[in-house]
Amino acid sequence: MNYKFPEIRTINDVLPHIEGRTEFIVAEREGFTVVNYVVAFPDTFAMTGPDDLSGAIRRECRGLIFDDQGKIMSRPYHKFFNVNERDETQAHVLDLTQPHIVMDKLDGSMIRPVRQNGIIRLATKMGITDVALEAEKLLTDKQYDFLDQTMNWSLTPIFEYVSPTNKIVVNYSEPKLILTGIRDNVRGTYNDLRTFVGAVPFEVVKTNSSIHDFGAYLAFNRGETDREGDIIAFADGHRLKVKNDWYVRIHKTKDLVRVDRNVVDLIINEELDDVRSLLDQADLDRVNEVETNFWKDFANVEDRLAGLMLIARTVYGGDKKRVALELVPNLLKKTDASFIFKMLDGKPLRDMLIDHVRKCVGNTTRYEEMVEWMK
């Protein structure tokens, strides 16, 4: 949806439009205030039309920073979307006859400068973080001068910090701060980056010519590997993301395996081998550790239940009534009882355990209870 970017001069231009909306936070930092979203609900960035001021303001709340007087200090990118992600970004409604360029979409962390107690610092969406501190180490005197000048003009230079130690999916051989945008703090307009190539003390993101055959472009882009994709930047400042299938697949896989419950789900359904090839060494090591610990716990509970079954048969003669009255009350883990009775009915222990894990991995609470039971 093309709309005019809203003017933002002070924090009071923003607060009324996010009042009562729990997905946004207003975080006080030393010397400044950050307004950012922490989760996106279905209507968080919805707009009823190009004149929807509240919707437009909400799309700006991606790390807005205001000084200690409430004046706008830093305005990074507005919220924009992937091609085909929303009704307004469906391929068939996009007008690529409008002036635009195609920029390389970098796979790192958004960085921009702020002033803290009069000193230029670098910040991510939430302020001065560990990643921002790493990026600061790259700055030279000339680069500080550039940041100072642009900030004095009430502009926000926006960078992507890429580094081997700040890897998301794509591998980068060395740490870099790459200029990807320059934005007017008040009006929200964007400068044409092509005019800055060779004129600023920073590397500028690569740009390509405009798209003539959108279908052919999408087919080519989505088949690429070893990069995230592109940003289509229109002359009026509006933008679109186009990520290739390789990046999306790996990113989803990395997100998936960050949660132990998901890894166990893959293990128990014999799907883990299908994702190993998509993981870098750090993720692979973590997944292997989860797998090792899971099967160790599985073996422990299997041995425990087999031992209890032996007692049920030899001590109590397999008599369910005696097991219920004399053995079950002494069990340390009450879940064991149902397995003992099912084994007495002739059901195989391993099959029951695997089925139990399958039922538990789909729910966080049940999974946590299962993990505690298996210890």
Protein backbone atom coordinates (compact mmCIF):
# COMPACT_ATOMS: atom_id res chain seq x y z
CA MET A 1 0.00 0.00 0.00
CA ASN A 2 1.44 3.35 -1.04
CA TYR A 3 0.80 6.10 1.49
CA LYS A 4 2.55 9.24 2.62
CA PHE A 5 4.95 8.61 5.47
CA PRO A 6 3.68 10.39 8.58
CA GLU A 7 5.57 13.31 10.09
CA ILE A 8 7.07 12.46 13.49
CA ARG A 9 8.60 15.27 15.50
CA THR A 10 8.17 14.10 19.08
CA ILE A 11 7.18 10.97 20.96
CA ASN A 12 3.74 12.50 21.49
CA ASP A 13 3.11 12.07 17.75
CA VAL A 14 3.42 8.31 18.32
CA LEU A 15 2.11 7.37 21.75
CA PRO A 16 -1.64 7.94 21.10
CA HIS A 17 -1.52 5.52 18.18
CA ILE A 18 -0.10 2.60 20.20
CA GLU A 19 -1.97 3.24 23.44
CA GLY A 20 -3.42 0.02 24.83
CA ARG A 21 -1.63 -2.13 22.27
CA THR A 22 0.44 -4.66 24.18
CA GLU A 23 2.57 -5.62 21.19
CA PHE A 24 4.48 -2.34 21.45
CA ILE A 25 6.89 -1.27 24.17
CA VAL A 26 8.19 2.14 25.22
CA ALA A 27 11.59 1.43 26.76
CA GLU A 28 13.56 4.02 28.70
CA ARG A 29 17.30 3.99 28.11
CA GLU A 30 20.04 6.22 29.46
CA GLY A 31 19.50 9.49 27.60
CA PHE A 32 16.80 8.32 25.17
CA THR A 33 13.56 6.37 24.71
CA VAL A 34 12.94 3.48 22.30
CA VAL A 35 9.57 2.63 20.78
CA ASN A 36 9.51 -0.83 19.24
CA TYR A 37 7.18 -3.75 18.60
CA VAL A 38 7.90 -7.05 20.32
CA VAL A 39 5.34 -9.24 18.60
CA ALA A 40 3.18 -8.85 15.50
CA PHE A 41 -0.51 -9.72 15.79
CA PRO A 42 -2.65 -10.04 12.64
CA ASP A 43 -3.75 -6.38 12.87
CA THR A 44 -0.55 -4.85 14.27
CA PHE A 45 0.54 -3.36 10.95
CA ALA A 46 -2.83 -3.38 9.19
CA MET A 47 -3.99 -0.21 7.46
CA THR A 48 -7.52 0.56 6.35
CA GLY A 49 -6.26 2.78 3.54
CA PRO A 50 -3.59 5.33 2.61
CA ASP A 51 -5.10 7.90 5.00
CA ASP A 52 -4.97 5.62 8.06
CA LEU A 53 -2.61 7.65 10.26
CA SER A 54 -2.63 5.22 13.19
CA GLY A 55 -1.74 2.32 10.91
CA ALA A 56 1.05 4.33 9.29
CA ILE A 57 2.45 5.34 12.70
CA ARG A 58 2.41 1.74 13.91
CA ARG A 59 4.45 0.75 10.86
CA GLU A 60 7.09 3.23 12.03
CA CYS A 61 7.48 1.67 15.47
CA ARG A 62 10.45 -0.49 14.63
CA GLY A 63 13.05 1.08 16.88
CA LEU A 64 12.11 4.77 16.84
CA ILE A 65 14.38 6.64 19.24
CA PHE A 66 13.59 9.94 20.95
CA ASP A 67 16.02 12.08 22.95
CA ASP A 68 15.55 13.02 26.61
CA GLN A 69 13.32 15.92 25.54
CA GLY A 70 11.07 13.60 23.51
CA LYS A 71 12.35 14.85 20.14
CA ILE A 72 12.86 12.35 17.31
CA MET A 73 16.52 11.31 17.15
CA SER A 74 16.57 8.20 14.98
CA ARG A 75 14.07 6.81 12.48
CA PRO A 76 15.10 3.49 10.92
CA TYR A 77 13.12 1.58 8.28
CA HIS A 78 9.35 1.53 8.37
CA LYS A 79 7.73 -1.90 8.42
CA PHE A 80 7.54 -3.35 4.93
CA PHE A 81 6.66 -6.80 3.70
CA ASN A 82 7.53 -9.68 1.42
CA VAL A 83 6.09 -10.03 -2.06
CA ASN A 84 2.85 -12.05 -1.76
CA GLU A 85 2.87 -11.76 2.05
CA ARG A 86 -0.15 -9.44 2.25
CA ASP A 87 -3.00 -8.37 -0.04
CA GLU A 88 -1.19 -5.13 -0.81
CA THR A 89 2.02 -6.94 -1.85
CA GLN A 90 0.54 -9.60 -4.13
CA ALA A 91 2.59 -9.78 -7.31
CA HIS A 92 -0.39 -9.04 -9.57
CA VAL A 93 -1.14 -5.70 -7.84
CA LEU A 94 2.41 -4.33 -7.82
CA ASP A 95 3.16 -1.51 -10.23
CA LEU A 96 6.75 -1.98 -11.32
CA THR A 97 6.41 0.73 -13.93
CA GLN A 98 7.02 3.14 -11.04
CA PRO A 99 10.70 4.17 -10.63
CA HIS A 100 12.57 1.69 -8.48
CA ILE A 101 15.89 0.00 -7.87
CA VAL A 102 16.78 -3.48 -6.62
CA MET A 103 19.14 -3.71 -3.65
CA ASP A 104 20.94 -6.68 -2.19
CA LYS A 105 19.19 -7.84 0.99
CA LEU A 106 21.91 -8.36 3.56
CA ASP A 107 21.67 -10.94 6.31
CA GLY A 108 22.82 -9.27 9.51
CA SER A 109 21.62 -6.77 12.11
CA MET A 110 20.20 -3.31 11.51
CA ILE A 111 22.43 -0.62 13.03
CA ARG A 112 22.04 3.18 13.25
CA PRO A 113 23.71 5.95 15.25
CA VAL A 114 22.29 7.74 18.29
CA ARG A 115 23.63 10.36 20.66
CA GLN A 116 24.01 9.37 24.28
CA ASN A 117 25.14 12.14 26.62
CA GLY A 118 26.46 13.99 23.57
CA ILE A 119 28.51 11.03 22.33
CA ILE A 120 27.75 9.18 19.08
CA ARG A 121 26.95 5.55 19.73
CA LEU A 122 25.65 2.75 17.53
CA ALA A 123 22.37 1.03 18.33
CA THR A 124 20.15 -1.83 17.15
CA LYS A 125 16.34 -1.62 17.23
CA MET A 126 16.33 -1.79 21.03
CA GLY A 127 19.24 0.56 21.68
CA ILE A 128 22.87 0.00 22.62
CA THR A 129 23.23 -3.78 22.65
CA ASP A 130 26.12 -6.26 22.49
CA VAL A 131 25.78 -6.45 18.70
CA ALA A 132 25.91 -2.65 18.46
CA LEU A 133 29.04 -2.59 20.64
CA GLU A 134 30.70 -5.05 18.25
CA ALA A 135 29.78 -2.84 15.29
CA GLU A 136 31.22 0.24 17.02
CA LYS A 137 34.67 -1.34 16.97
CA LEU A 138 34.72 -0.95 13.17
CA LEU A 139 34.22 2.84 13.12
CA THR A 140 37.00 5.19 11.96
CA ASP A 141 37.34 8.92 12.62
CA LYS A 142 36.05 9.74 9.12
CA GLN A 143 33.05 7.52 9.66
CA TYR A 144 32.28 9.22 12.99
CA ASP A 145 32.43 12.58 11.16
CA PHE A 146 29.93 11.32 8.58
CA LEU A 147 27.57 10.10 11.29
CA ASP A 148 27.85 13.40 13.12
CA GLN A 149 27.09 15.39 9.98
CA THR A 150 24.06 13.36 8.93
CA MET A 151 22.63 13.43 12.45
CA ASN A 152 23.06 17.21 12.57
CA TRP A 153 20.93 17.34 9.42
CA SER A 154 18.25 15.29 11.22
CA LEU A 155 18.91 12.24 9.06
CA THR A 156 19.27 8.62 10.11
CA PRO A 157 21.92 6.63 8.24
CA ILE A 158 20.92 2.96 8.39
CA PHE A 159 23.46 0.14 8.21
CA GLU A 160 23.56 -3.62 8.17
CA TYR A 161 26.20 -5.13 10.42
CA VAL A 162 27.39 -8.44 8.98
CA SER A 163 30.05 -10.57 10.58
CA PRO A 164 31.21 -14.18 10.93
CA THR A 165 30.35 -13.81 14.64
CA ASN A 166 26.89 -12.35 13.95
CA LYS A 167 25.73 -15.02 11.54
CA ILE A 168 22.05 -15.49 10.80
CA VAL A 169 22.15 -17.76 7.74
CA VAL A 170 24.54 -16.33 5.15
CA ASN A 171 28.29 -16.66 5.71
CA TYR A 172 30.34 -13.45 5.72
CA SER A 173 34.13 -13.66 5.75
CA GLU A 174 34.75 -10.41 7.67
CA PRO A 175 32.81 -7.90 9.80
CA LYS A 176 31.38 -4.93 7.89
CA LEU A 177 29.08 -1.98 8.37
CA ILE A 178 27.27 -1.52 5.05
CA LEU A 179 25.15 1.57 4.41
CA THR A 180 21.68 0.50 3.26
CA GLY A 181 19.60 3.65 3.67
CA ILE A 182 19.43 7.29 4.78
CA ARG A 183 16.14 8.56 6.13
CA ASP A 184 14.75 11.95 7.12
CA ASN A 185 13.84 11.80 10.80
CA VAL A 186 10.77 14.02 10.62
CA ARG A 187 9.31 13.40 7.17
CA GLY A 188 10.35 9.76 6.84
CA THR A 189 11.55 10.18 3.25
CA TYR A 190 14.51 8.20 1.92
CA ASN A 191 17.55 9.46 0.01
CA ASP A 192 18.65 7.79 -3.22
CA LEU A 193 21.59 5.62 -2.13
CA ARG A 194 23.12 5.60 -5.59
CA THR A 195 24.23 9.20 -5.07
CA PHE A 196 26.32 8.15 -2.07
CA VAL A 197 28.42 5.45 -3.73
CA GLY A 198 32.04 6.58 -3.52
CA ALA A 199 31.06 9.78 -1.71
CA VAL A 200 30.82 8.43 1.84
CA PRO A 201 33.37 6.62 4.05
CA PHE A 202 31.25 3.46 4.14
CA GLU A 203 30.59 0.60 1.78
CA VAL A 204 27.19 1.11 0.17
CA VAL A 205 24.83 -1.80 -0.48
CA LYS A 206 24.88 -3.09 -4.05
CA THR A 207 22.06 -1.92 -6.30
CA ASN A 208 20.81 -3.22 -9.63
CA SER A 209 18.67 -1.82 -12.38
CA SER A 210 14.89 -1.95 -12.33
CA ILE A 211 12.83 -5.06 -13.09
CA HIS A 212 11.18 -5.44 -16.50
CA ASP A 213 9.79 -8.98 -16.33
CA PHE A 214 8.61 -9.58 -12.77
CA GLY A 215 7.74 -13.25 -13.29
CA ALA A 216 11.17 -14.04 -14.69
CA TYR A 217 12.81 -12.03 -11.93
CA LEU A 218 10.95 -13.92 -9.17
CA ALA A 219 11.80 -17.28 -10.70
CA PHE A 220 15.49 -16.36 -10.91
CA ASN A 221 15.66 -14.78 -7.44
CA ARG A 222 13.98 -17.67 -5.67
CA GLY A 223 16.37 -20.14 -7.23
CA GLU A 224 19.47 -18.36 -5.94
CA THR A 225 21.60 -19.63 -3.05
CA ASP A 226 24.15 -18.25 -0.57
CA ARG A 227 22.33 -14.92 -0.22
CA GLU A 228 19.09 -13.78 1.37
CA GLY A 229 17.42 -12.05 -1.56
CA ASP A 230 16.58 -8.49 -2.62
CA ILE A 231 14.87 -5.30 -1.55
CA ILE A 232 12.80 -3.55 -4.22
CA ALA A 233 13.02 0.13 -3.30
CA PHE A 234 10.64 2.55 -5.01
CA ALA A 235 11.48 6.21 -5.53
CA ASP A 236 8.70 7.22 -3.10
CA GLY A 237 10.39 5.23 -0.31
CA HIS A 238 8.11 2.21 -0.22
CA ARG A 239 9.81 -1.16 -0.31
CA LEU A 240 9.29 -4.88 -0.79
CA LYS A 241 11.29 -7.88 0.32
CA VAL A 242 11.99 -10.83 -1.97
CA LYS A 243 13.69 -13.75 -0.24
CA ASN A 244 14.93 -16.78 -2.11
CA ASP A 245 13.74 -20.29 -1.29
CA TRP A 246 17.19 -21.40 -0.10
CA TYR A 247 17.30 -18.70 2.58
CA VAL A 248 13.71 -19.17 3.72
CA ARG A 249 14.15 -22.93 4.06
CA ILE A 250 17.34 -22.65 6.09
CA HIS A 251 16.04 -19.79 8.23
CA LYS A 252 12.90 -21.75 9.10
CA THR A 253 15.02 -24.78 9.90
CA LYS A 254 17.31 -22.75 12.16
CA ASP A 255 14.32 -21.28 13.98
CA LEU A 256 12.83 -24.75 14.31
CA VAL A 257 15.86 -26.41 15.88
CA ARG A 258 16.45 -23.62 18.39
CA VAL A 259 13.69 -25.23 20.49
CA ASP A 260 14.47 -28.62 22.06
CA ARG A 261 10.86 -29.75 21.76
CA ASN A 262 11.02 -29.30 17.98
CA VAL A 263 14.26 -31.25 17.77
CA VAL A 264 12.73 -34.12 19.72
CA ASP A 265 9.73 -34.00 17.38
CA LEU A 266 12.11 -34.46 14.44
CA ILE A 267 13.95 -37.27 16.25
CA ILE A 268 10.89 -39.28 17.19
CA ASN A 269 9.37 -38.91 13.72
CA GLU A 270 12.67 -39.87 12.05
CA GLU A 271 12.96 -36.57 10.19
CA LEU A 272 16.12 -35.17 11.77
CA ASP A 273 18.43 -36.46 9.03
CA ASP A 274 16.45 -34.44 6.48
CA VAL A 275 17.43 -31.15 8.13
CA ARG A 276 21.03 -31.88 9.18
CA SER A 277 22.39 -30.82 5.80
CA LEU A 278 20.77 -27.39 6.19
CA LEU A 279 22.50 -26.61 9.50
CA ASP A 280 25.80 -24.88 10.15
CA GLN A 281 28.25 -26.49 12.56
CA ALA A 282 27.07 -24.61 15.65
CA ASP A 283 23.42 -25.59 15.11
CA LEU A 284 24.42 -29.13 14.18
CA ASP A 285 26.44 -29.50 17.39
CA ARG A 286 23.47 -28.29 19.46
CA VAL A 287 21.05 -30.62 17.68
CA ASN A 288 23.40 -33.56 18.16
CA GLU A 289 23.63 -32.76 21.88
CA VAL A 290 19.84 -32.65 22.20
CA GLU A 291 19.60 -35.96 20.35
CA THR A 292 22.21 -37.62 22.56
CA ASN A 293 20.55 -36.41 25.76
CA PHE A 294 17.11 -37.44 24.56
CA TRP A 295 18.10 -41.01 23.79
CA LYS A 296 19.98 -41.25 27.10
CA ASP A 297 16.85 -40.17 28.99
CA PHE A 298 14.74 -42.47 26.82
CA ALA A 299 16.99 -45.42 27.71
CA ASN A 300 16.85 -44.54 31.40
CA VAL A 301 13.05 -44.45 31.53
CA GLU A 302 12.89 -47.62 29.43
CA ASP A 303 15.16 -49.42 31.94
CA ARG A 304 13.17 -48.09 34.88
CA LEU A 305 9.85 -49.26 33.46
CA ALA A 306 11.29 -52.63 32.48
CA GLY A 307 12.49 -53.03 36.07
CA LEU A 308 9.09 -52.15 37.47
CA MET A 309 7.47 -54.61 35.08
CA LEU A 310 9.80 -57.34 36.35
CA ILE A 311 8.70 -56.55 39.92
CA ALA A 312 5.03 -56.57 38.89
CA ARG A 313 5.40 -60.05 37.44
CA THR A 314 7.76 -61.71 39.90
CA VAL A 315 6.66 -60.13 43.18
CA TYR A 316 2.98 -59.65 42.48
CA GLY A 317 2.49 -62.42 39.95
CA GLY A 318 1.15 -60.00 37.35
CA ASP A 319 -1.98 -59.48 39.47
CA LYS A 320 -3.28 -56.03 38.50
CA LYS A 321 -5.21 -55.60 41.75
CA ARG A 322 -2.15 -56.28 43.88
CA VAL A 323 -0.01 -54.05 41.62
CA ALA A 324 -2.54 -51.23 42.04
CA LEU A 325 -2.81 -51.64 45.82
CA GLU A 326 0.78 -52.47 46.75
CA LEU A 327 3.17 -51.28 44.01
CA VAL A 328 1.58 -48.14 42.54
CA PRO A 329 1.35 -46.23 45.88
CA ASN A 330 5.13 -46.54 46.22
CA LEU A 331 6.01 -45.29 42.76
CA LEU A 332 8.11 -42.12 42.70
CA LYS A 333 6.71 -41.19 39.27
CA LYS A 334 2.97 -41.76 39.03
CA THR A 335 2.99 -41.75 35.20
CA ASP A 336 4.82 -45.09 35.40
CA ALA A 337 1.63 -46.81 36.55
CA SER A 338 -0.21 -46.57 33.23
CA PHE A 339 2.78 -48.09 31.43
CA ILE A 340 2.96 -50.99 33.91
CA PHE A 341 -0.70 -51.90 33.40
CA LYS A 342 -0.41 -51.66 29.61
CA MET A 343 2.65 -53.92 29.68
CA LEU A 344 0.71 -56.40 31.80
CA ASP A 345 -1.83 -56.38 28.94
CA GLY A 346 0.97 -57.38 26.57
CA LYS A 347 1.74 -54.04 24.91
CA PRO A 348 5.42 -53.54 23.94
CA LEU A 349 7.23 -50.95 26.06
CA ARG A 350 9.30 -49.24 23.37
CA ASP A 351 6.31 -48.73 21.06
CA MET A 352 4.35 -47.19 23.93
CA LEU A 353 7.20 -44.86 24.86
CA ILE A 354 7.64 -43.61 21.32
CA ASP A 355 3.90 -43.06 20.99
CA HIS A 356 3.91 -41.15 24.30
CA VAL A 357 6.70 -38.85 23.13
CA ARG A 358 4.87 -38.19 19.84
CA LYS A 359 1.78 -37.11 21.77
CA CYS A 360 3.76 -34.81 24.07
CA VAL A 361 5.99 -32.91 21.61
CA GLY A 362 3.04 -31.05 20.14
CA ASN A 363 2.34 -29.17 23.36
CA THR A 364 4.85 -27.22 25.44
CA THR A 365 3.30 -28.03 28.83
CA ARG A 366 2.97 -31.75 28.09
CA TYR A 367 6.51 -31.80 26.70
CA GLU A 368 7.95 -30.21 29.84
CA GLU A 369 6.04 -32.70 32.00
CA MET A 370 7.41 -35.54 29.86
CA VAL A 371 10.99 -34.27 30.19
CA GLU A 372 10.63 -34.17 33.98
CA TRP A 373 9.12 -37.67 33.98
CA MET A 374 11.96 -39.10 31.87
CA LYS A 375 14.69 -37.85 34.20
